[in-house]
Every structure is written in structure tokens, then in C-alpha cells.
C-alpha atoms as a PDB file:
ATOM      1  CA  MET A   1      -8.273   6.485  20.410  1.00  0.00           C
ATOM      2  CA  GLN A   2      -6.470   6.367  17.067  1.00  0.00           C
ATOM      3  CA  ASP A   3      -2.811   7.199  16.803  1.00  0.00           C
ATOM      4  CA  THR A   4      -2.186  10.232  14.655  1.00  0.00           C
ATOM      5  CA  THR A   5       0.706  12.338  13.542  1.00  0.00           C
ATOM      6  CA  THR A   6       1.028  15.455  11.469  1.00  0.00           C
ATOM      7  CA  THR A   7       3.311  15.918   8.523  1.00  0.00           C
ATOM      8  CA  THR A   8       3.812  18.351   5.700  1.00  0.00           C
ATOM      9  CA  PHE A   9       2.737  17.472   2.184  1.00  0.00           C
ATOM     10  CA  LYS A  10       3.164  20.036  -0.578  1.00  0.00           C
ATOM     11  CA  GLU A  11       3.599  22.782   1.985  1.00  0.00           C
ATOM     12  CA  GLN A  12       0.360  21.908   3.816  1.00  0.00           C
ATOM     13  CA  THR A  13      -0.021  20.293   7.218  1.00  0.00           C
ATOM     14  CA  VAL A  14      -1.691  16.904   6.946  1.00  0.00           C
ATOM     15  CA  THR A  15      -2.953  14.675   9.737  1.00  0.00           C
ATOM     16  CA  VAL A  16      -2.081  11.017   9.263  1.00  0.00           C
ATOM     17  CA  LYS A  17      -4.356   8.704  11.236  1.00  0.00           C
ATOM     18  CA  GLU A  18      -4.252   5.063  12.163  1.00  0.00           C
ATOM     19  CA  LEU A  19      -6.912   3.140  10.285  1.00  0.00           C
ATOM     20  CA  THR A  20      -9.437   0.873  11.912  1.00  0.00           C
ATOM     21  CA  VAL A  21      -9.617  -2.805  11.031  1.00  0.00           C
ATOM     22  CA  LYS A  22     -12.802  -2.091   9.076  1.00  0.00           C
ATOM     23  CA  GLN A  23     -11.152   0.676   7.067  1.00  0.00           C
ATOM     24  CA  VAL A  24      -8.200  -1.554   6.179  1.00  0.00           C
ATOM     25  CA  ARG A  25     -10.537  -4.408   5.211  1.00  0.00           C
ATOM     26  CA  GLU A  26     -12.564  -2.073   2.971  1.00  0.00           C
ATOM     27  CA  VAL A  27      -9.417  -0.830   1.218  1.00  0.00           C
ATOM     28  CA  PHE A  28      -8.220  -4.401   0.642  1.00  0.00           C
ATOM     29  CA  ASN A  29     -11.631  -5.369  -0.701  1.00  0.00           C
ATOM     30  CA  ARG A  30     -11.248  -2.546  -3.240  1.00  0.00           C
ATOM     31  CA  LEU A  31      -7.698  -3.632  -4.065  1.00  0.00           C
ATOM     32  CA  ASP A  32      -8.903  -7.200  -4.672  1.00  0.00           C
ATOM     33  CA  THR A  33     -11.566  -6.076  -7.155  1.00  0.00           C
ATOM     34  CA  GLU A  34      -9.922  -3.106  -8.900  1.00  0.00           C
ATOM     35  CA  SER A  35      -6.964  -2.841 -11.215  1.00  0.00           C
ATOM     36  CA  VAL A  36      -3.542  -2.102  -9.809  1.00  0.00           C
ATOM     37  CA  LEU A  37      -3.004   1.631  -9.686  1.00  0.00           C
ATOM     38  CA  PHE A  38      -0.134   3.061 -11.708  1.00  0.00           C
ATOM     39  CA  ILE A  39       0.904   5.182  -8.727  1.00  0.00           C
ATOM     40  CA  ASP A  40       1.512   2.025  -6.653  1.00  0.00           C
ATOM     41  CA  ASP A  41       3.850   0.609  -9.276  1.00  0.00           C
ATOM     42  CA  LEU A  42       5.646   3.920  -9.666  1.00  0.00           C
ATOM     43  CA  ILE A  43       6.433   4.719  -6.048  1.00  0.00           C
ATOM     44  CA  ASP A  44       6.883   1.090  -4.886  1.00  0.00           C
ATOM     45  CA  GLN A  45       6.032   1.719  -1.232  1.00  0.00           C
ATOM     46  CA  PRO A  46       4.889  -0.776   1.446  1.00  0.00           C
ATOM     47  CA  VAL A  47       1.459   0.867   1.602  1.00  0.00           C
ATOM     48  CA  PRO A  48      -0.806   1.260  -1.424  1.00  0.00           C
ATOM     49  CA  ALA A  49      -2.068   4.678  -2.465  1.00  0.00           C
ATOM     50  CA  LEU A  50      -5.603   3.836  -1.312  1.00  0.00           C
ATOM     51  CA  ILE A  51      -4.278   3.354   2.235  1.00  0.00           C
ATOM     52  CA  VAL A  52      -2.611   6.776   1.960  1.00  0.00           C
ATOM     53  CA  VAL A  53      -5.915   8.276   0.788  1.00  0.00           C
ATOM     54  CA  GLU A  54      -7.841   6.692   3.657  1.00  0.00           C
ATOM     55  CA  SER A  55      -5.236   7.595   6.271  1.00  0.00           C
ATOM     56  CA  THR A  56      -4.724  11.221   5.193  1.00  0.00           C
ATOM     57  CA  GLY A  57      -7.931  12.251   3.455  1.00  0.00           C
ATOM     58  CA  ILE A  58      -5.902  13.434   0.462  1.00  0.00           C
ATOM     59  CA  PRO A  59      -7.826  12.567  -2.719  1.00  0.00           C
ATOM     60  CA  LEU A  60      -6.229  10.049  -5.088  1.00  0.00           C
ATOM     61  CA  GLU A  61      -6.301  12.643  -7.862  1.00  0.00           C
ATOM     62  CA  GLU A  62      -4.113  14.959  -5.757  1.00  0.00           C
ATOM     63  CA  LEU A  63      -1.668  12.152  -5.002  1.00  0.00           C
ATOM     64  CA  GLU A  64      -1.467  11.350  -8.719  1.00  0.00           C
ATOM     65  CA  ALA A  65      -0.783  15.023  -9.486  1.00  0.00           C
ATOM     66  CA  SER A  66       2.184  14.988  -7.074  1.00  0.00           C
ATOM     67  CA  LYS A  67       5.872  14.304  -7.566  1.00  0.00           C
ATOM     68  CA  PRO A  68       7.115  10.909  -6.383  1.00  0.00           C
ATOM     69  CA  SER A  69       9.635  12.744  -4.186  1.00  0.00           C
ATOM     70  CA  ASP A  70       6.664  14.294  -2.323  1.00  0.00           C
ATOM     71  CA  LEU A  71       4.817  10.984  -2.038  1.00  0.00           C
ATOM     72  CA  ILE A  72       7.574   8.820  -0.578  1.00  0.00           C
ATOM     73  CA  PRO A  73       7.900  10.745   2.716  1.00  0.00           C
ATOM     74  CA  LEU A  74       4.091  10.821   3.009  1.00  0.00           C
ATOM     75  CA  CYS A  75       3.928   7.052   2.517  1.00  0.00           C
ATOM     76  CA  SER A  76       6.574   6.633   5.218  1.00  0.00           C
ATOM     77  CA  GLU A  77       4.444   8.616   7.658  1.00  0.00           C
ATOM     78  CA  VAL A  78       1.361   6.546   6.802  1.00  0.00           C
ATOM     79  CA  MET A  79       3.381   3.368   7.301  1.00  0.00           C
ATOM     80  CA  SER A  80       4.702   4.549  10.677  1.00  0.00           C
ATOM     81  CA  VAL A  81       1.170   5.187  11.949  1.00  0.00           C
ATOM     82  CA  ASN A  82      -0.180   1.971  10.365  1.00  0.00           C
ATOM     83  CA  PRO A  83       2.616  -0.580  10.924  1.00  0.00           C
ATOM     84  CA  THR A  84       0.275  -3.570  11.060  1.00  0.00           C
ATOM     85  CA  CYS A  85      -1.105  -2.710   7.636  1.00  0.00           C
ATOM     86  CA  ALA A  86       2.393  -2.485   6.178  1.00  0.00           C
ATOM     87  CA  SER A  87       3.260  -5.795   7.866  1.00  0.00           C
ATOM     88  CA  MET A  88       0.181  -7.463   6.381  1.00  0.00           C
ATOM     89  CA  ILE A  89       1.152  -6.263   2.915  1.00  0.00           C
ATOM     90  CA  ARG A  90       4.703  -7.563   3.386  1.00  0.00           C
ATOM     91  CA  ARG A  91       3.336 -10.996   4.434  1.00  0.00           C
ATOM     92  CA  ARG A  92       1.081 -11.097   1.365  1.00  0.00           C
ATOM     93  CA  ILE A  93       4.012 -10.269  -0.908  1.00  0.00           C
ATOM     94  CA  GLU A  94       6.119 -12.986   0.733  1.00  0.00           C
ATOM     95  CA  ALA A  95       3.277 -15.506   0.315  1.00  0.00           C
ATOM     96  CA  ALA A  96       2.893 -14.576  -3.362  1.00  0.00           C
ATOM     97  CA  SER A  97       6.635 -14.948  -3.896  1.00  0.00           C
ATOM     98  CA  GLU A  98       6.597 -18.351  -2.233  1.00  0.00           C
ATOM     99  CA  LEU A  99       3.648 -19.447  -4.384  1.00  0.00           C
ATOM    100  CA  LYS A 100       5.507 -18.320  -7.496  1.00  0.00           C
ATOM    101  CA  ARG A 101       8.582 -20.286  -6.379  1.00  0.00           C
ATOM    102  CA  ILE A 102       6.441 -23.410  -5.828  1.00  0.00           C
ATOM    103  CA  LEU A 103       4.763 -23.038  -9.224  1.00  0.00           C
ATOM    104  CA  LEU A 104       8.089 -22.602 -10.983  1.00  0.00           C
ATOM    105  CA  SER A 105       9.445 -25.639  -9.151  1.00  0.00           C
ATOM    106  CA  ALA A 106       6.407 -27.715 -10.172  1.00  0.00           C
ATOM    107  CA  LYS A 107       6.821 -26.554 -13.758  1.00  0.00           C
ATOM    108  CA  GLY A 108      10.437 -27.724 -13.713  1.00  0.00           C
ATOM    109  CA  LEU A 109       9.442 -31.129 -12.347  1.00  0.00           C
ATOM    110  CA  THR A 110       6.683 -31.773 -14.868  1.00  0.00           C
ATOM    111  CA  GLY A 111       8.144 -29.960 -17.845  1.00  0.00           C
ATOM    112  CA  GLN A 112       4.720 -28.389 -18.378  1.00  0.00           C
ATOM    113  CA  SER A 113       3.782 -24.770 -18.395  1.00  0.00           C
ATOM    114  CA  VAL A 114       1.971 -23.636 -15.264  1.00  0.00           C
END
């Protein structure tokens, strides 16, 4: 049984559900092949908008037509029901930061651009 919670988004009750491993994998496959969404850069939350779409059923177009102040609490609810997904994203960000640090260090050692 999936964990769920209900929340209010733009004065409507929304059910936020825990995603299955397959659903998370499918979203990350899309994220790996598609451009970064503007909404993800704008609201800077631990879960990407596509995870919010999958978890809530709210279409991406509706999320994009919303105020950031409405999206942030919704993202928090999605993250609370999908903590492993948020943790995976945090680990990926940390790994990317470490790789960047290593590349910058190597550039400094060789004097070449990386």
C-alpha cells in the first residue's frame, strides 16, 4: 500500500502519493534525456517538477501557471511522502559537486582547461 497524504493546492484538495520504484525510474529516465525545466530552476526544491506531476496528478502546465509561493508547500508535501526520492536527488547533487571539485583540482594541477 502506498503512503498518501492530502494537501491543498490553489484551494483544491490534492492527494499526494508515494511513487513506486518504477515510477521514479521513469521520471529520472525523462530527466536524463530532456532539457532542464525552467520551473525546477525557479523554485529550487529537492524534488523536480516531474516528480510533483507524477505524485499529485497535477499537469505540468498547471504547475507552470502557478505562483512559486503555491508550489513550494506542494513540493514539501511531495518530498515528505517520497523521502527516498529526495534523498537520491541530494546524493546525485553531492556527487556532481564532488566531481566538479575534482575536475577543478585537476585543472589547477595541469594548468589545462577541463
